[in-house]
């Protein structure tokens, strides 16, 4: 089961309304989504690799930050000449 997708059904769903994925993840949710420890997520936040919103009591990492981090750190396929 994909942790991010499992969060989509955490809120009560009204009939005929689409299920919306969360816009941001907590440190714990981000760690689960990336299959790393919360300590690793906190290190990435300290290094500025990921950014979080501090508007609420807990840090929220925008979903786009997680996706951007994955895209930026993916290996690029090497071309065979």
PDB file of N, CA and C in Angstrom:
ATOM      1  N   UNK A   1       0.839  -1.175   0.000  1.00  0.00           N
ATOM      2  CA  UNK A   1       0.000   0.000   0.000  1.00  0.00           C
ATOM      3  C   UNK A   1       0.884   1.238   0.000  1.00  0.00           C
ATOM      4  N   UNK A   2       0.561   2.211  -0.812  1.00  0.00           N
ATOM      5  CA  UNK A   2       1.304   3.455  -0.897  1.00  0.00           C
ATOM      6  C   UNK A   2       0.849   4.378   0.234  1.00  0.00           C
ATOM      7  N   UNK A   3       1.760   4.826   1.123  1.00  0.00           N
ATOM      8  CA  UNK A   3       1.365   5.647   2.269  1.00  0.00           C
ATOM      9  C   UNK A   3       0.682   6.949   1.872  1.00  0.00           C
ATOM     10  N   UNK A   4       1.134   7.561   0.787  1.00  0.00           N
ATOM     11  CA  UNK A   4       0.518   8.823   0.386  1.00  0.00           C
ATOM     12  C   UNK A   4      -0.906   8.566  -0.078  1.00  0.00           C
ATOM     13  N   UNK A   5      -1.119   7.515  -0.863  1.00  0.00           N
ATOM     14  CA  UNK A   5      -2.462   7.209  -1.329  1.00  0.00           C
ATOM     15  C   UNK A   5      -3.371   6.778  -0.194  1.00  0.00           C
ATOM     16  N   UNK A   6      -2.825   6.126   0.829  1.00  0.00           N
ATOM     17  CA  UNK A   6      -3.657   5.693   1.945  1.00  0.00           C
ATOM     18  C   UNK A   6      -4.171   6.891   2.739  1.00  0.00           C
ATOM     19  N   UNK A   7      -3.470   8.016   2.652  1.00  0.00           N
ATOM     20  CA  UNK A   7      -3.900   9.215   3.360  1.00  0.00           C
ATOM     21  C   UNK A   7      -5.084   9.873   2.666  1.00  0.00           C
ATOM     22  N   UNK A   8      -5.301   9.535   1.405  1.00  0.00           N
ATOM     23  CA  UNK A   8      -6.372  10.158   0.639  1.00  0.00           C
ATOM     24  C   UNK A   8      -7.747   9.860   1.224  1.00  0.00           C
ATOM     25  N   UNK A   9      -7.910   8.746   1.868  1.00  0.00           N
ATOM     26  CA  UNK A   9      -9.218   8.378   2.394  1.00  0.00           C
ATOM     27  C   UNK A   9      -9.340   8.625   3.892  1.00  0.00           C
ATOM     28  N   UNK A  10      -8.393   9.360   4.482  1.00  0.00           N
ATOM     29  CA  UNK A  10      -8.429   9.580   5.921  1.00  0.00           C
ATOM     30  C   UNK A  10      -9.560  10.517   6.339  1.00  0.00           C
ATOM     31  N   UNK A  11      -9.983  11.417   5.475  1.00  0.00           N
ATOM     32  CA  UNK A  11     -11.065  12.338   5.803  1.00  0.00           C
ATOM     33  C   UNK A  11     -12.394  11.733   5.367  1.00  0.00           C
ATOM     34  N   UNK A  12     -13.471  12.098   6.061  1.00  0.00           N
ATOM     35  CA  UNK A  12     -14.773  11.581   5.641  1.00  0.00           C
ATOM     36  C   UNK A  12     -15.089  12.041   4.216  1.00  0.00           C
ATOM     37  N   UNK A  13     -15.629  11.148   3.433  1.00  0.00           N
ATOM     38  CA  UNK A  13     -15.921  11.450   2.038  1.00  0.00           C
ATOM     39  C   UNK A  13     -17.418  11.649   1.875  1.00  0.00           C
ATOM     40  N   UNK A  14     -17.769  12.764   1.252  1.00  0.00           N
ATOM     41  CA  UNK A  14     -19.164  13.037   0.954  1.00  0.00           C
ATOM     42  C   UNK A  14     -19.514  12.390  -0.377  1.00  0.00           C
ATOM     43  N   UNK A  15     -20.745  11.934  -0.550  1.00  0.00           N
ATOM     44  CA  UNK A  15     -21.129  11.343  -1.829  1.00  0.00           C
ATOM     45  C   UNK A  15     -20.933  12.327  -2.980  1.00  0.00           C
ATOM     46  N   UNK A  16     -20.486  11.811  -4.110  1.00  0.00           N
ATOM     47  CA  UNK A  16     -20.296  12.587  -5.342  1.00  0.00           C
ATOM     48  C   UNK A  16     -19.205  13.642  -5.242  1.00  0.00           C
ATOM     49  N   UNK A  17     -18.321  13.542  -4.269  1.00  0.00           N
ATOM     50  CA  UNK A  17     -17.201  14.472  -4.183  1.00  0.00           C
ATOM     51  C   UNK A  17     -15.908  13.695  -4.375  1.00  0.00           C
ATOM     52  N   UNK A  18     -14.997  14.230  -5.208  1.00  0.00           N
ATOM     53  CA  UNK A  18     -13.739  13.513  -5.425  1.00  0.00           C
ATOM     54  C   UNK A  18     -12.887  13.499  -4.164  1.00  0.00           C
ATOM     55  N   UNK A  19     -12.113  12.439  -4.005  1.00  0.00           N
ATOM     56  CA  UNK A  19     -11.196  12.329  -2.876  1.00  0.00           C
ATOM     57  C   UNK A  19      -9.957  13.134  -3.223  1.00  0.00           C
ATOM     58  N   UNK A  20      -9.546  14.020  -2.324  1.00  0.00           N
ATOM     59  CA  UNK A  20      -8.406  14.885  -2.581  1.00  0.00           C
ATOM     60  C   UNK A  20      -7.198  14.414  -1.784  1.00  0.00           C
ATOM     61  N   UNK A  21      -6.077  14.286  -2.448  1.00  0.00           N
ATOM     62  CA  UNK A  21      -4.836  13.911  -1.779  1.00  0.00           C
ATOM     63  C   UNK A  21      -4.384  15.075  -0.891  1.00  0.00           C
ATOM     64  N   UNK A  22      -3.677  14.783   0.196  1.00  0.00           N
ATOM     65  CA  UNK A  22      -3.218  15.870   1.064  1.00  0.00           C
ATOM     66  C   UNK A  22      -2.232  16.773   0.326  1.00  0.00           C
ATOM     67  N   UNK A  23      -2.317  18.056   0.592  1.00  0.00           N
ATOM     68  CA  UNK A  23      -1.415  19.013  -0.039  1.00  0.00           C
ATOM     69  C   UNK A  23      -0.037  18.998   0.610  1.00  0.00           C
ATOM     70  N   UNK A  24       0.016  18.569   1.869  1.00  0.00           N
ATOM     71  CA  UNK A  24       1.278  18.551   2.594  1.00  0.00           C
ATOM     72  C   UNK A  24       1.312  17.345   3.521  1.00  0.00           C
ATOM     73  N   UNK A  25       2.535  16.933   3.860  1.00  0.00           N
ATOM     74  CA  UNK A  25       2.740  15.778   4.722  1.00  0.00           C
ATOM     75  C   UNK A  25       3.491  16.199   5.976  1.00  0.00           C
ATOM     76  N   UNK A  26       3.203  15.536   7.088  1.00  0.00           N
ATOM     77  CA  UNK A  26       3.986  15.756   8.299  1.00  0.00           C
ATOM     78  C   UNK A  26       5.351  15.109   8.112  1.00  0.00           C
ATOM     79  N   UNK A  27       6.253  15.354   9.020  1.00  0.00           N
ATOM     80  CA  UNK A  27       7.577  14.733   8.961  1.00  0.00           C
ATOM     81  C   UNK A  27       7.432  13.214   8.964  1.00  0.00           C
ATOM     82  N   UNK A  28       6.556  12.712   9.800  1.00  0.00           N
ATOM     83  CA  UNK A  28       6.351  11.268   9.898  1.00  0.00           C
ATOM     84  C   UNK A  28       5.781  10.697   8.600  1.00  0.00           C
ATOM     85  N   UNK A  29       4.798  11.383   8.024  1.00  0.00           N
ATOM     86  CA  UNK A  29       4.202  10.915   6.771  1.00  0.00           C
ATOM     87  C   UNK A  29       5.201  10.965   5.614  1.00  0.00           C
ATOM     88  N   UNK A  30       6.023  12.016   5.585  1.00  0.00           N
ATOM     89  CA  UNK A  30       7.040  12.131   4.538  1.00  0.00           C
ATOM     90  C   UNK A  30       8.058  10.997   4.663  1.00  0.00           C
ATOM     91  N   UNK A  31       8.421  10.666   5.892  1.00  0.00           N
ATOM     92  CA  UNK A  31       9.364   9.571   6.119  1.00  0.00           C
ATOM     93  C   UNK A  31       8.783   8.253   5.615  1.00  0.00           C
ATOM     94  N   UNK A  32       7.522   8.013   5.886  1.00  0.00           N
ATOM     95  CA  UNK A  32       6.875   6.794   5.411  1.00  0.00           C
ATOM     96  C   UNK A  32       6.818   6.783   3.887  1.00  0.00           C
ATOM     97  N   UNK A  33       6.448   7.918   3.298  1.00  0.00           N
ATOM     98  CA  UNK A  33       6.323   8.007   1.842  1.00  0.00           C
ATOM     99  C   UNK A  33       7.654   7.753   1.141  1.00  0.00           C
ATOM    100  N   UNK A  34       8.763   8.213   1.746  1.00  0.00           N
ATOM    101  CA  UNK A  34      10.088   8.045   1.139  1.00  0.00           C
ATOM    102  C   UNK A  34      10.813   6.801   1.651  1.00  0.00           C
ATOM    103  N   UNK A  35      10.182   6.098   2.583  1.00  0.00           N
ATOM    104  CA  UNK A  35      10.775   4.892   3.167  1.00  0.00           C
ATOM    105  C   UNK A  35      12.132   5.186   3.827  1.00  0.00           C
ATOM    106  N   UNK A  36      12.153   6.270   4.594  1.00  0.00           N
ATOM    107  CA  UNK A  36      13.340   6.664   5.355  1.00  0.00           C
ATOM    108  C   UNK A  36      12.905   6.977   6.776  1.00  0.00           C
ATOM    109  N   UNK A  37      13.856   7.286   7.636  1.00  0.00           N
ATOM    110  CA  UNK A  37      13.524   7.618   9.020  1.00  0.00           C
ATOM    111  C   UNK A  37      13.115   9.085   9.139  1.00  0.00           C
ATOM    112  N   UNK A  38      12.443   9.404  10.233  1.00  0.00           N
ATOM    113  CA  UNK A  38      12.087  10.803  10.486  1.00  0.00           C
ATOM    114  C   UNK A  38      13.349  11.635  10.682  1.00  0.00           C
ATOM    115  N   UNK A  39      14.391  11.016  11.210  1.00  0.00           N
ATOM    116  CA  UNK A  39      15.666  11.716  11.392  1.00  0.00           C
ATOM    117  C   UNK A  39      16.233  12.167  10.046  1.00  0.00           C
ATOM    118  N   UNK A  40      16.097  11.326   9.026  1.00  0.00           N
ATOM    119  CA  UNK A  40      16.571  11.691   7.687  1.00  0.00           C
ATOM    120  C   UNK A  40      15.777  12.876   7.147  1.00  0.00           C
ATOM    121  N   UNK A  41      14.472  12.868   7.344  1.00  0.00           N
ATOM    122  CA  UNK A  41      13.640  13.988   6.880  1.00  0.00           C
ATOM    123  C   UNK A  41      14.053  15.266   7.597  1.00  0.00           C
ATOM    124  N   UNK A  42      14.280  15.180   8.893  1.00  0.00           N
ATOM    125  CA  UNK A  42      14.694  16.373   9.655  1.00  0.00           C
ATOM    126  C   UNK A  42      16.056  16.884   9.179  1.00  0.00           C
ATOM    127  N   UNK A  43      16.963  15.984   8.830  1.00  0.00           N
ATOM    128  CA  UNK A  43      18.265  16.396   8.278  1.00  0.00           C
ATOM    129  C   UNK A  43      18.090  17.121   6.953  1.00  0.00           C
ATOM    130  N   UNK A  44      17.217  16.591   6.102  1.00  0.00           N
ATOM    131  CA  UNK A  44      16.962  17.231   4.808  1.00  0.00           C
ATOM    132  C   UNK A  44      16.361  18.622   5.005  1.00  0.00           C
ATOM    133  N   UNK A  45      15.521  18.776   6.012  1.00  0.00           N
ATOM    134  CA  UNK A  45      14.958  20.088   6.326  1.00  0.00           C
ATOM    135  C   UNK A  45      16.043  21.041   6.827  1.00  0.00           C
ATOM    136  N   UNK A  46      16.924  20.556   7.701  1.00  0.00           N
ATOM    137  CA  UNK A  46      18.003  21.394   8.226  1.00  0.00           C
ATOM    138  C   UNK A  46      18.969  21.842   7.131  1.00  0.00           C
ATOM    139  N   UNK A  47      19.248  20.950   6.180  1.00  0.00           N
ATOM    140  CA  UNK A  47      20.157  21.268   5.072  1.00  0.00           C
ATOM    141  C   UNK A  47      19.496  22.148   4.017  1.00  0.00           C
ATOM    142  N   UNK A  48      18.195  22.317   4.089  1.00  0.00           N
ATOM    143  CA  UNK A  48      17.488  23.139   3.113  1.00  0.00           C
ATOM    144  C   UNK A  48      17.123  22.393   1.841  1.00  0.00           C
ATOM    145  N   UNK A  49      17.310  21.077   1.843  1.00  0.00           N
ATOM    146  CA  UNK A  49      16.958  20.276   0.679  1.00  0.00           C
ATOM    147  C   UNK A  49      15.435  20.206   0.556  1.00  0.00           C
ATOM    148  N   UNK A  50      14.758  20.096   1.669  1.00  0.00           N
ATOM    149  CA  UNK A  50      13.300  20.174   1.732  1.00  0.00           C
ATOM    150  C   UNK A  50      12.939  21.408   2.551  1.00  0.00           C
ATOM    151  N   UNK A  51      11.798  21.982   2.253  1.00  0.00           N
ATOM    152  CA  UNK A  51      11.305  23.102   3.056  1.00  0.00           C
ATOM    153  C   UNK A  51       9.953  22.728   3.628  1.00  0.00           C
ATOM    154  N   UNK A  52       9.604  23.377   4.727  1.00  0.00           N
ATOM    155  CA  UNK A  52       8.325  23.073   5.361  1.00  0.00           C
ATOM    156  C   UNK A  52       7.612  24.357   5.733  1.00  0.00           C
ATOM    157  N   UNK A  53       6.316  24.231   5.902  1.00  0.00           N
ATOM    158  CA  UNK A  53       5.495  25.335   6.370  1.00  0.00           C
ATOM    159  C   UNK A  53       5.480  25.282   7.889  1.00  0.00           C
ATOM    160  N   UNK A  54       5.666  26.418   8.502  1.00  0.00           N
ATOM    161  CA  UNK A  54       5.642  26.478   9.964  1.00  0.00           C
ATOM    162  C   UNK A  54       4.416  27.249  10.441  1.00  0.00           C
ATOM    163  N   UNK A  55       3.401  27.331   9.603  1.00  0.00           N
ATOM    164  CA  UNK A  55       2.209  28.100   9.938  1.00  0.00           C
ATOM    165  C   UNK A  55       1.385  27.430  11.032  1.00  0.00           C
ATOM    166  N   UNK A  56       1.522  26.127  11.151  1.00  0.00           N
ATOM    167  CA  UNK A  56       0.760  25.392  12.157  1.00  0.00           C
ATOM    168  C   UNK A  56       1.696  24.887  13.244  1.00  0.00           C
ATOM    169  N   UNK A  57       1.186  24.142  14.170  1.00  0.00           N
ATOM    170  CA  UNK A  57       1.999  23.641  15.278  1.00  0.00           C
ATOM    171  C   UNK A  57       3.032  22.621  14.852  1.00  0.00           C
ATOM    172  N   UNK A  58       2.765  21.924  13.758  1.00  0.00           N
ATOM    173  CA  UNK A  58       3.720  20.939  13.287  1.00  0.00           C
ATOM    174  C   UNK A  58       4.195  21.313  11.890  1.00  0.00           C
ATOM    175  N   UNK A  59       5.385  20.863  11.564  1.00  0.00           N
ATOM    176  CA  UNK A  59       5.927  21.158  10.253  1.00  0.00           C
ATOM    177  C   UNK A  59       5.182  20.357   9.199  1.00  0.00           C
ATOM    178  N   UNK A  60       4.811  21.036   8.130  1.00  0.00           N
ATOM    179  CA  UNK A  60       4.166  20.382   7.008  1.00  0.00           C
ATOM    180  C   UNK A  60       5.023  20.576   5.768  1.00  0.00           C
ATOM    181  N   UNK A  61       5.330  19.478   5.106  1.00  0.00           N
ATOM    182  CA  UNK A  61       6.166  19.521   3.912  1.00  0.00           C
ATOM    183  C   UNK A  61       5.239  19.400   2.708  1.00  0.00           C
ATOM    184  N   UNK A  62       5.228  20.419   1.841  1.00  0.00           N
ATOM    185  CA  UNK A  62       4.358  20.350   0.669  1.00  0.00           C
ATOM    186  C   UNK A  62       4.648  19.105  -0.168  1.00  0.00           C
ATOM    187  N   UNK A  63       3.604  18.496  -0.666  1.00  0.00           N
ATOM    188  CA  UNK A  63       3.727  17.290  -1.488  1.00  0.00           C
ATOM    189  C   UNK A  63       4.650  17.539  -2.684  1.00  0.00           C
ATOM    190  N   UNK A  64       4.591  18.743  -3.261  1.00  0.00           N
ATOM    191  CA  UNK A  64       5.442  19.082  -4.399  1.00  0.00           C
ATOM    192  C   UNK A  64       6.920  19.076  -4.016  1.00  0.00           C
ATOM    193  N   UNK A  65       7.236  19.405  -2.764  1.00  0.00           N
ATOM    194  CA  UNK A  65       8.614  19.355  -2.289  1.00  0.00           C
ATOM    195  C   UNK A  65       9.132  17.917  -2.319  1.00  0.00           C
ATOM    196  N   UNK A  66       8.313  16.991  -1.858  1.00  0.00           N
ATOM    197  CA  UNK A  66       8.689  15.573  -1.842  1.00  0.00           C
ATOM    198  C   UNK A  66       8.899  15.086  -3.279  1.00  0.00           C
ATOM    199  N   UNK A  67       7.939  15.396  -4.148  1.00  0.00           N
ATOM    200  CA  UNK A  67       8.035  14.955  -5.545  1.00  0.00           C
ATOM    201  C   UNK A  67       9.233  15.600  -6.244  1.00  0.00           C
ATOM    202  N   UNK A  68       9.475  16.887  -5.982  1.00  0.00           N
ATOM    203  CA  UNK A  68      10.620  17.586  -6.577  1.00  0.00           C
ATOM    204  C   UNK A  68      11.942  17.006  -6.100  1.00  0.00           C
ATOM    205  N   UNK A  69      12.005  16.663  -4.820  1.00  0.00           N
ATOM    206  CA  UNK A  69      13.211  16.055  -4.271  1.00  0.00           C
ATOM    207  C   UNK A  69      13.503  14.737  -4.976  1.00  0.00           C
ATOM    208  N   UNK A  70      12.480  13.927  -5.175  1.00  0.00           N
ATOM    209  CA  UNK A  70      12.674  12.650  -5.865  1.00  0.00           C
ATOM    210  C   UNK A  70      13.142  12.853  -7.299  1.00  0.00           C
ATOM    211  N   UNK A  71      12.530  13.787  -8.004  1.00  0.00           N
ATOM    212  CA  UNK A  71      12.908  14.030  -9.392  1.00  0.00           C
ATOM    213  C   UNK A  71      14.346  14.564  -9.478  1.00  0.00           C
ATOM    214  N   UNK A  72      14.717  15.437  -8.563  1.00  0.00           N
ATOM    215  CA  UNK A  72      16.055  16.047  -8.589  1.00  0.00           C
ATOM    216  C   UNK A  72      17.149  15.039  -8.232  1.00  0.00           C
ATOM    217  N   UNK A  73      16.803  14.023  -7.473  1.00  0.00           N
ATOM    218  CA  UNK A  73      17.829  13.078  -7.015  1.00  0.00           C
ATOM    219  C   UNK A  73      17.799  11.760  -7.774  1.00  0.00           C
ATOM    220  N   UNK A  74      16.936  11.643  -8.755  1.00  0.00           N
ATOM    221  CA  UNK A  74      16.889  10.400  -9.560  1.00  0.00           C
ATOM    222  C   UNK A  74      18.118  10.313 -10.446  1.00  0.00           C
ATOM    223  N   UNK A  75      18.597   9.095 -10.625  1.00  0.00           N
ATOM    224  CA  UNK A  75      19.696   8.878 -11.563  1.00  0.00           C
ATOM    225  C   UNK A  75      19.180   9.093 -12.969  1.00  0.00           C
ATOM    226  N   UNK A  76      19.987   9.773 -13.770  1.00  0.00           N
ATOM    227  CA  UNK A  76      19.614   9.936 -15.159  1.00  0.00           C
ATOM    228  C   UNK A  76      20.213   8.772 -15.942  1.00  0.00           C
ATOM    229  N   UNK A  77      19.447   8.198 -16.851  1.00  0.00           N
ATOM    230  CA  UNK A  77      19.994   7.079 -17.613  1.00  0.00           C
ATOM    231  C   UNK A  77      21.163   7.529 -18.476  1.00  0.00           C
ATOM    232  N   UNK A  78      22.176   6.703 -18.535  1.00  0.00           N
ATOM    233  CA  UNK A  78      23.353   7.029 -19.335  1.00  0.00           C
ATOM    234  C   UNK A  78      23.117   6.585 -20.763  1.00  0.00           C
ATOM    235  N   UNK A  79      23.522   7.427 -21.682  1.00  0.00           N
ATOM    236  CA  UNK A  79      23.358   7.117 -23.098  1.00  0.00           C
ATOM    237  C   UNK A  79      24.496   6.220 -23.558  1.00  0.00           C
ATOM    238  N   UNK A  80      24.124   5.235 -24.301  1.00  0.00           N
ATOM    239  CA  UNK A  80      25.135   4.358 -24.889  1.00  0.00           C
ATOM    240  C   UNK A  80      25.444   4.898 -26.281  1.00  0.00           C
ATOM    241  N   UNK A  81      26.695   5.224 -26.500  1.00  0.00           N
ATOM    242  CA  UNK A  81      27.083   5.843 -27.769  1.00  0.00           C
ATOM    243  C   UNK A  81      27.175   4.857 -28.897  1.00  0.00           C
TER     244      UNK A  81
END
